[in-house]
N, C-alpha and C. Protein backbone atom coordinates (compact mmCIF):
# COMPACT_ATOMS: atom_id res chain seq x y z
N MET A 1 0.70 -1.24 0.23
CA MET A 1 -0.07 -0.13 0.15
C MET A 1 0.87 1.21 -0.01
N LEU A 2 0.55 2.21 -0.90
CA LEU A 2 1.17 3.43 -0.81
C LEU A 2 0.02 4.41 -0.31
N THR A 3 0.80 5.42 0.47
CA THR A 3 0.11 6.38 1.37
C THR A 3 0.53 7.67 1.01
N LEU A 4 -0.37 8.53 0.14
CA LEU A 4 -0.15 9.93 -0.01
C LEU A 4 -1.01 10.94 0.09
N THR A 5 -0.78 12.18 0.17
CA THR A 5 -1.82 13.39 0.26
C THR A 5 -2.15 13.72 -1.02
N THR A 6 -3.20 14.30 -1.04
CA THR A 6 -3.78 15.18 -2.24
C THR A 6 -2.84 15.98 -2.97
N ALA A 7 -2.01 16.69 -2.10
CA ALA A 7 -0.94 17.52 -2.51
C ALA A 7 0.25 16.71 -3.24
N HIS A 8 0.50 15.62 -2.58
CA HIS A 8 1.59 14.83 -3.37
C HIS A 8 1.15 14.32 -4.73
N ARG A 9 -0.19 13.76 -4.73
CA ARG A 9 -0.93 13.50 -6.06
C ARG A 9 -0.82 14.67 -7.18
N ASP A 10 -1.24 15.79 -6.51
CA ASP A 10 -1.20 16.96 -7.38
C ASP A 10 0.24 17.16 -7.89
N ALA A 11 1.04 17.06 -6.91
CA ALA A 11 2.66 17.40 -7.32
C ALA A 11 3.14 16.52 -8.66
N MET A 12 2.77 15.06 -8.53
CA MET A 12 3.10 14.32 -9.52
C MET A 12 2.38 14.55 -10.63
N VAL A 13 1.23 14.93 -10.67
CA VAL A 13 0.29 15.06 -12.02
C VAL A 13 0.85 16.34 -12.65
N ALA A 14 1.15 17.53 -11.86
CA ALA A 14 1.64 18.70 -12.34
C ALA A 14 3.04 18.59 -13.17
N THR A 15 3.78 17.79 -12.34
CA THR A 15 5.11 17.30 -13.09
C THR A 15 5.04 16.86 -14.47
N CYS A 16 4.20 15.87 -14.46
CA CYS A 16 3.83 15.18 -15.76
C CYS A 16 3.19 16.04 -16.86
N ILE A 17 2.29 16.78 -16.42
CA ILE A 17 1.86 17.83 -17.36
C ILE A 17 2.75 18.86 -17.67
N ARG A 18 3.56 19.29 -17.01
CA ARG A 18 4.60 19.92 -17.43
C ARG A 18 5.62 19.53 -18.55
N ALA A 19 5.80 18.33 -18.34
CA ALA A 19 6.72 17.63 -19.13
C ALA A 19 6.39 17.26 -20.57
N LEU A 20 4.99 17.53 -20.81
CA LEU A 20 4.46 17.26 -22.00
C LEU A 20 4.91 17.74 -23.22
N PRO A 21 5.31 17.35 -24.41
CA PRO A 21 4.56 16.04 -24.84
C PRO A 21 5.44 14.85 -24.34
N ASN A 22 6.42 15.08 -23.67
CA ASN A 22 7.28 13.72 -23.20
C ASN A 22 6.72 13.25 -21.92
N GLU A 23 7.03 12.08 -21.51
CA GLU A 23 6.80 11.54 -20.15
C GLU A 23 7.38 12.17 -19.05
N GLY A 24 6.58 12.57 -18.02
CA GLY A 24 7.10 13.31 -16.72
C GLY A 24 7.72 12.23 -15.74
N CYS A 25 8.50 12.50 -15.05
CA CYS A 25 8.95 11.55 -13.76
C CYS A 25 9.63 12.14 -12.67
N GLY A 26 9.96 11.46 -11.56
CA GLY A 26 10.36 11.83 -10.51
C GLY A 26 10.35 10.72 -9.35
N LEU A 27 10.83 11.17 -8.09
CA LEU A 27 11.18 10.14 -7.07
C LEU A 27 9.98 10.46 -5.98
N LEU A 28 9.99 9.36 -5.10
CA LEU A 28 9.05 9.58 -3.85
C LEU A 28 9.88 9.27 -2.80
N LEU A 29 10.06 10.16 -1.80
CA LEU A 29 10.81 9.98 -0.54
C LEU A 29 9.62 9.81 0.67
N GLY A 30 9.96 9.11 1.79
CA GLY A 30 9.13 8.73 2.97
C GLY A 30 9.41 7.78 3.52
N SER A 31 8.69 7.00 4.31
CA SER A 31 9.06 6.10 5.18
C SER A 31 9.00 4.49 4.69
N SER A 32 9.45 3.77 5.33
CA SER A 32 9.64 2.49 4.82
C SER A 32 8.38 1.56 4.72
N ASP A 33 7.26 2.11 5.44
CA ASP A 33 6.06 1.44 5.31
C ASP A 33 5.16 2.10 4.24
N GLY A 34 5.83 2.93 3.47
CA GLY A 34 4.96 3.21 2.19
C GLY A 34 4.33 4.58 2.28
N VAL A 35 4.47 5.45 3.42
CA VAL A 35 4.10 6.83 3.45
C VAL A 35 4.97 7.86 2.86
N VAL A 36 4.56 8.39 1.78
CA VAL A 36 5.05 9.50 1.22
C VAL A 36 5.11 10.65 1.97
N SER A 37 6.46 11.35 1.94
CA SER A 37 6.57 12.41 2.60
C SER A 37 6.92 13.69 1.49
N GLU A 38 7.56 13.27 0.29
CA GLU A 38 7.81 14.40 -0.47
C GLU A 38 7.94 13.81 -1.81
N VAL A 39 7.41 14.60 -2.94
CA VAL A 39 7.34 14.13 -4.44
C VAL A 39 8.81 14.89 -4.84
N VAL A 40 9.64 14.37 -5.51
CA VAL A 40 10.91 15.04 -5.93
C VAL A 40 10.68 14.85 -7.45
N ALA A 41 10.34 16.19 -8.14
CA ALA A 41 10.32 16.16 -9.81
C ALA A 41 11.97 15.91 -10.35
N SER A 42 11.82 15.37 -11.43
CA SER A 42 13.07 15.17 -12.39
C SER A 42 12.67 15.41 -13.59
N VAL A 43 13.75 16.20 -14.34
CA VAL A 43 13.70 16.03 -15.83
C VAL A 43 13.72 14.79 -16.35
N ASN A 44 13.17 14.44 -17.47
CA ASN A 44 13.07 13.23 -18.13
C ASN A 44 14.29 13.31 -19.06
N VAL A 45 15.29 13.00 -18.64
CA VAL A 45 16.69 13.00 -19.67
C VAL A 45 16.51 12.11 -20.76
N ALA A 46 15.56 11.22 -21.05
CA ALA A 46 15.63 10.37 -22.07
C ALA A 46 14.70 11.26 -23.02
N ASP A 47 14.12 12.51 -22.73
CA ASP A 47 13.50 13.37 -23.68
C ASP A 47 12.61 12.71 -24.57
N SER A 48 11.62 11.88 -24.02
CA SER A 48 10.85 11.04 -24.77
C SER A 48 9.43 10.98 -24.50
N ALA A 49 8.45 10.76 -25.36
CA ALA A 49 7.15 10.56 -25.04
C ALA A 49 6.79 8.99 -24.81
N LYS A 50 7.81 8.28 -24.95
CA LYS A 50 7.55 6.86 -25.03
C LYS A 50 8.39 6.17 -23.86
N VAL A 51 9.52 6.68 -23.15
CA VAL A 51 10.20 6.21 -22.03
C VAL A 51 10.77 7.40 -21.29
N TYR A 52 11.21 6.95 -20.10
CA TYR A 52 11.52 7.85 -19.09
C TYR A 52 12.95 7.61 -18.49
N GLU A 53 13.61 8.66 -17.95
CA GLU A 53 15.00 8.22 -17.20
C GLU A 53 14.95 9.47 -16.30
N ILE A 54 15.16 9.12 -15.04
CA ILE A 54 15.49 10.21 -13.87
C ILE A 54 16.89 10.62 -14.29
N ASP A 55 17.04 11.95 -13.96
CA ASP A 55 18.25 12.65 -13.95
C ASP A 55 19.13 12.15 -12.98
N SER A 56 20.36 11.52 -13.20
CA SER A 56 21.30 11.01 -12.47
C SER A 56 21.67 12.06 -11.15
N ARG A 57 21.53 13.23 -11.37
CA ARG A 57 21.79 14.16 -10.38
C ARG A 57 20.78 14.22 -9.19
N VAL A 58 19.70 14.11 -9.78
CA VAL A 58 18.45 14.11 -8.88
C VAL A 58 18.63 12.87 -8.15
N LEU A 59 18.62 11.46 -8.77
CA LEU A 59 18.77 10.41 -8.19
C LEU A 59 19.88 10.41 -7.00
N LEU A 60 20.87 11.00 -7.25
CA LEU A 60 22.13 10.90 -6.33
C LEU A 60 21.66 12.01 -5.25
N SER A 61 21.31 12.95 -5.48
CA SER A 61 20.92 14.09 -4.42
C SER A 61 19.59 13.60 -3.52
N THR A 62 18.77 12.90 -4.24
CA THR A 62 17.53 12.42 -3.48
C THR A 62 18.06 11.18 -2.36
N TYR A 63 19.02 10.35 -2.94
CA TYR A 63 19.55 9.27 -2.03
C TYR A 63 20.33 10.09 -0.69
N ARG A 64 20.95 11.06 -1.39
CA ARG A 64 21.91 11.66 -0.03
C ARG A 64 20.86 12.27 0.91
N ARG A 65 19.91 13.09 0.47
CA ARG A 65 18.95 13.46 1.37
C ARG A 65 18.24 12.45 2.13
N ALA A 66 17.84 11.61 1.69
CA ALA A 66 17.13 10.23 2.46
C ALA A 66 18.08 9.75 3.40
N ASP A 67 19.16 9.76 3.37
CA ASP A 67 20.26 9.11 4.09
C ASP A 67 20.13 10.24 5.31
N ASP A 68 20.50 11.44 5.01
CA ASP A 68 20.71 12.56 5.85
C ASP A 68 19.53 12.73 6.77
N GLU A 69 18.43 12.51 6.23
CA GLU A 69 17.12 12.91 6.93
C GLU A 69 16.49 11.62 7.41
N GLY A 70 17.01 10.53 7.29
CA GLY A 70 16.44 9.23 7.92
C GLY A 70 15.15 8.70 7.26
N THR A 71 15.09 9.04 5.86
CA THR A 71 13.98 8.78 5.06
C THR A 71 14.41 7.49 4.30
N SER A 72 13.29 7.27 3.32
CA SER A 72 13.88 6.28 2.53
C SER A 72 13.33 6.72 0.89
N VAL A 73 13.93 6.59 -0.33
CA VAL A 73 13.50 6.70 -1.46
C VAL A 73 12.71 5.46 -1.69
N LEU A 74 11.13 5.73 -1.88
CA LEU A 74 10.39 4.77 -1.91
C LEU A 74 10.01 4.08 -3.42
N GLY A 75 10.31 5.16 -4.35
CA GLY A 75 10.04 4.68 -5.59
C GLY A 75 10.05 5.97 -6.61
N VAL A 76 9.36 5.46 -7.61
CA VAL A 76 9.55 6.38 -8.80
C VAL A 76 8.20 6.40 -9.31
N PHE A 77 7.71 7.68 -9.95
CA PHE A 77 6.40 7.92 -10.74
C PHE A 77 6.87 8.36 -12.15
N HIS A 78 5.89 8.05 -13.05
CA HIS A 78 6.12 8.62 -14.53
C HIS A 78 4.75 8.68 -15.08
N SER A 79 4.76 9.20 -16.05
CA SER A 79 3.29 9.45 -17.06
C SER A 79 3.31 8.52 -18.15
N HIS A 80 2.11 8.10 -18.56
CA HIS A 80 1.82 7.75 -19.62
C HIS A 80 1.03 8.74 -20.46
N THR A 81 1.49 9.32 -21.70
CA THR A 81 0.84 10.45 -22.17
C THR A 81 -0.49 10.02 -23.05
N HIS A 82 -0.35 8.73 -23.50
CA HIS A 82 -1.79 8.39 -24.45
C HIS A 82 -2.32 6.90 -24.06
N SER A 83 -1.86 6.49 -23.08
CA SER A 83 -2.19 5.08 -22.74
C SER A 83 -2.49 4.87 -21.05
N GLU A 84 -3.12 3.87 -20.70
CA GLU A 84 -3.67 3.48 -19.50
C GLU A 84 -2.37 3.68 -18.49
N ALA A 85 -2.69 3.75 -17.25
CA ALA A 85 -1.78 3.80 -16.20
C ALA A 85 -1.46 2.27 -15.78
N LEU A 86 -0.75 1.68 -16.73
CA LEU A 86 -0.33 0.14 -16.45
C LEU A 86 0.96 0.02 -17.13
N PRO A 87 1.97 -0.59 -16.39
CA PRO A 87 3.35 -0.83 -16.69
C PRO A 87 3.39 -1.51 -17.83
N SER A 88 4.11 -0.66 -18.89
CA SER A 88 4.49 -1.21 -20.18
C SER A 88 5.60 -2.27 -20.09
N PRO A 89 5.64 -3.05 -21.22
CA PRO A 89 7.08 -4.06 -20.98
C PRO A 89 8.19 -3.42 -20.74
N THR A 90 8.59 -2.15 -21.37
CA THR A 90 9.62 -1.41 -21.09
C THR A 90 9.74 -1.09 -19.41
N ASP A 91 8.68 -0.73 -18.90
CA ASP A 91 8.69 -0.40 -17.41
C ASP A 91 8.98 -1.41 -16.67
N ILE A 92 8.23 -2.60 -17.17
CA ILE A 92 8.84 -3.91 -16.19
C ILE A 92 10.11 -4.39 -16.61
N ARG A 93 10.86 -4.26 -17.58
CA ARG A 93 12.02 -4.60 -17.86
C ARG A 93 13.02 -3.80 -17.08
N GLN A 94 12.78 -2.42 -17.16
CA GLN A 94 13.80 -1.32 -16.46
C GLN A 94 13.31 -1.16 -15.03
N ALA A 95 12.54 -1.99 -14.30
CA ALA A 95 12.22 -1.77 -12.92
C ALA A 95 13.44 -2.05 -12.05
N PRO A 96 14.09 -1.02 -11.52
CA PRO A 96 15.40 -1.47 -10.88
C PRO A 96 15.49 -2.15 -9.35
N ASP A 97 14.30 -1.84 -8.77
CA ASP A 97 14.34 -2.35 -7.32
C ASP A 97 12.88 -2.87 -6.83
N PRO A 98 13.01 -3.85 -6.50
CA PRO A 98 11.59 -4.60 -6.25
C PRO A 98 10.92 -4.31 -5.04
N GLN A 99 11.92 -3.59 -4.28
CA GLN A 99 11.01 -2.84 -2.88
C GLN A 99 10.48 -1.68 -3.47
N TRP A 100 10.63 -0.99 -4.31
CA TRP A 100 10.10 0.18 -5.00
C TRP A 100 8.62 0.14 -5.25
N HIS A 101 7.74 1.52 -5.00
CA HIS A 101 6.66 1.71 -5.52
C HIS A 101 6.70 2.26 -6.76
N TYR A 102 5.97 1.74 -7.88
CA TYR A 102 6.06 2.17 -9.35
C TYR A 102 4.68 3.04 -9.54
N VAL A 103 4.73 4.27 -9.58
CA VAL A 103 3.47 5.00 -9.52
C VAL A 103 3.23 5.37 -11.22
N LEU A 104 2.19 5.13 -11.85
CA LEU A 104 1.88 5.59 -13.30
C LEU A 104 0.81 6.45 -13.22
N ILE A 105 0.89 7.59 -13.92
CA ILE A 105 -0.04 8.71 -14.06
C ILE A 105 -0.48 8.51 -15.54
N SER A 106 -1.72 8.35 -15.86
CA SER A 106 -2.22 8.37 -17.20
C SER A 106 -2.85 9.87 -17.46
N LEU A 107 -2.35 10.24 -18.62
CA LEU A 107 -3.03 11.65 -19.17
C LEU A 107 -3.67 11.46 -20.23
N ARG A 108 -4.20 10.26 -20.58
CA ARG A 108 -4.94 10.09 -21.83
C ARG A 108 -6.19 10.73 -21.71
N GLU A 109 -6.96 11.01 -20.38
CA GLU A 109 -8.07 11.60 -20.27
C GLU A 109 -7.85 12.80 -19.43
N ALA A 110 -8.93 13.64 -19.63
CA ALA A 110 -8.75 14.89 -18.89
C ALA A 110 -8.34 14.92 -17.38
N GLN A 111 -8.91 13.93 -16.60
CA GLN A 111 -8.94 13.62 -15.24
C GLN A 111 -7.52 12.45 -15.29
N ALA A 112 -6.77 12.85 -14.82
CA ALA A 112 -5.31 12.11 -14.67
C ALA A 112 -5.78 10.67 -13.72
N GLU A 113 -5.25 9.60 -14.26
CA GLU A 113 -5.31 8.39 -13.40
C GLU A 113 -4.00 8.17 -12.74
N VAL A 114 -4.03 7.85 -11.43
CA VAL A 114 -2.97 7.60 -10.81
C VAL A 114 -3.00 6.17 -9.95
N ARG A 115 -1.73 5.35 -10.45
CA ARG A 115 -2.18 3.97 -9.92
C ARG A 115 -0.77 3.60 -9.45
N SER A 116 -0.53 2.48 -8.46
CA SER A 116 0.79 2.20 -8.02
C SER A 116 0.97 0.69 -8.22
N PHE A 117 2.08 0.12 -8.41
CA PHE A 117 2.45 -1.09 -8.65
C PHE A 117 3.51 -1.44 -7.97
N ARG A 118 3.88 -2.83 -7.74
CA ARG A 118 5.28 -3.32 -7.17
C ARG A 118 5.42 -4.16 -8.27
N ILE A 119 6.75 -4.28 -8.71
CA ILE A 119 7.32 -4.97 -9.85
C ILE A 119 8.58 -5.74 -9.48
N ALA A 120 8.56 -6.99 -9.59
CA ALA A 120 9.52 -7.80 -9.07
C ALA A 120 9.62 -8.97 -10.05
N ASP A 121 10.96 -9.10 -10.52
CA ASP A 121 11.37 -10.31 -11.38
C ASP A 121 10.21 -10.47 -12.57
N GLY A 122 9.76 -9.19 -13.13
CA GLY A 122 9.01 -9.49 -14.01
C GLY A 122 7.33 -9.43 -13.63
N ALA A 123 7.04 -9.93 -12.54
CA ALA A 123 5.66 -10.01 -11.93
C ALA A 123 5.09 -8.43 -11.62
N VAL A 124 4.24 -8.18 -11.81
CA VAL A 124 3.45 -6.90 -11.71
C VAL A 124 2.24 -7.14 -10.65
N VAL A 125 2.19 -6.46 -9.53
CA VAL A 125 1.04 -6.51 -8.56
C VAL A 125 0.59 -4.97 -8.49
N GLU A 126 -0.74 -4.64 -8.59
CA GLU A 126 -1.04 -3.56 -8.25
C GLU A 126 -1.47 -3.37 -6.78
N GLU A 127 -1.12 -2.25 -6.31
CA GLU A 127 -1.30 -1.98 -4.85
C GLU A 127 -2.37 -0.86 -4.66
N ALA A 128 -2.90 -0.70 -3.51
CA ALA A 128 -3.69 0.51 -3.08
C ALA A 128 -3.11 1.74 -2.91
N VAL A 129 -3.57 2.92 -3.32
CA VAL A 129 -3.12 3.93 -3.29
C VAL A 129 -4.18 4.80 -2.11
N VAL A 130 -3.62 5.19 -0.92
CA VAL A 130 -4.65 5.65 -0.18
C VAL A 130 -4.25 7.25 0.31
N GLY A 131 -5.16 8.02 0.67
CA GLY A 131 -4.61 9.30 1.33
C GLY A 131 -4.64 9.50 2.84
N SER A 132 -3.64 10.35 3.19
CA SER A 132 -3.39 10.49 4.55
C SER A 132 -4.00 11.72 5.00
């Protein structure tokens, strides 16, 4: 289960909208029990509407902050600009950490759809996203 506030959800969606026509992306900071404390936006260095890549400087600085603050990098979020909020074969193949929460934001409709998944060894399991 992933717990986030409306402000966190809105920050993820806004990051993804700002990245259009490309996919938007970023990281999630929080506690090991899946409670998000901060959304960290990143430039999509892949500069693509079909794939995303977190800026390595954002990744490094976010991990350093997590260590300094006693929090965790919980996962990643990114958008799908024209498809459902479901992990693509590329998303599944490139999932780096089985402990992460993988949040997908579909911008296909006017109302963004936000869903979260766990991905381990190619297996995808949707998890609940709840408000705090």
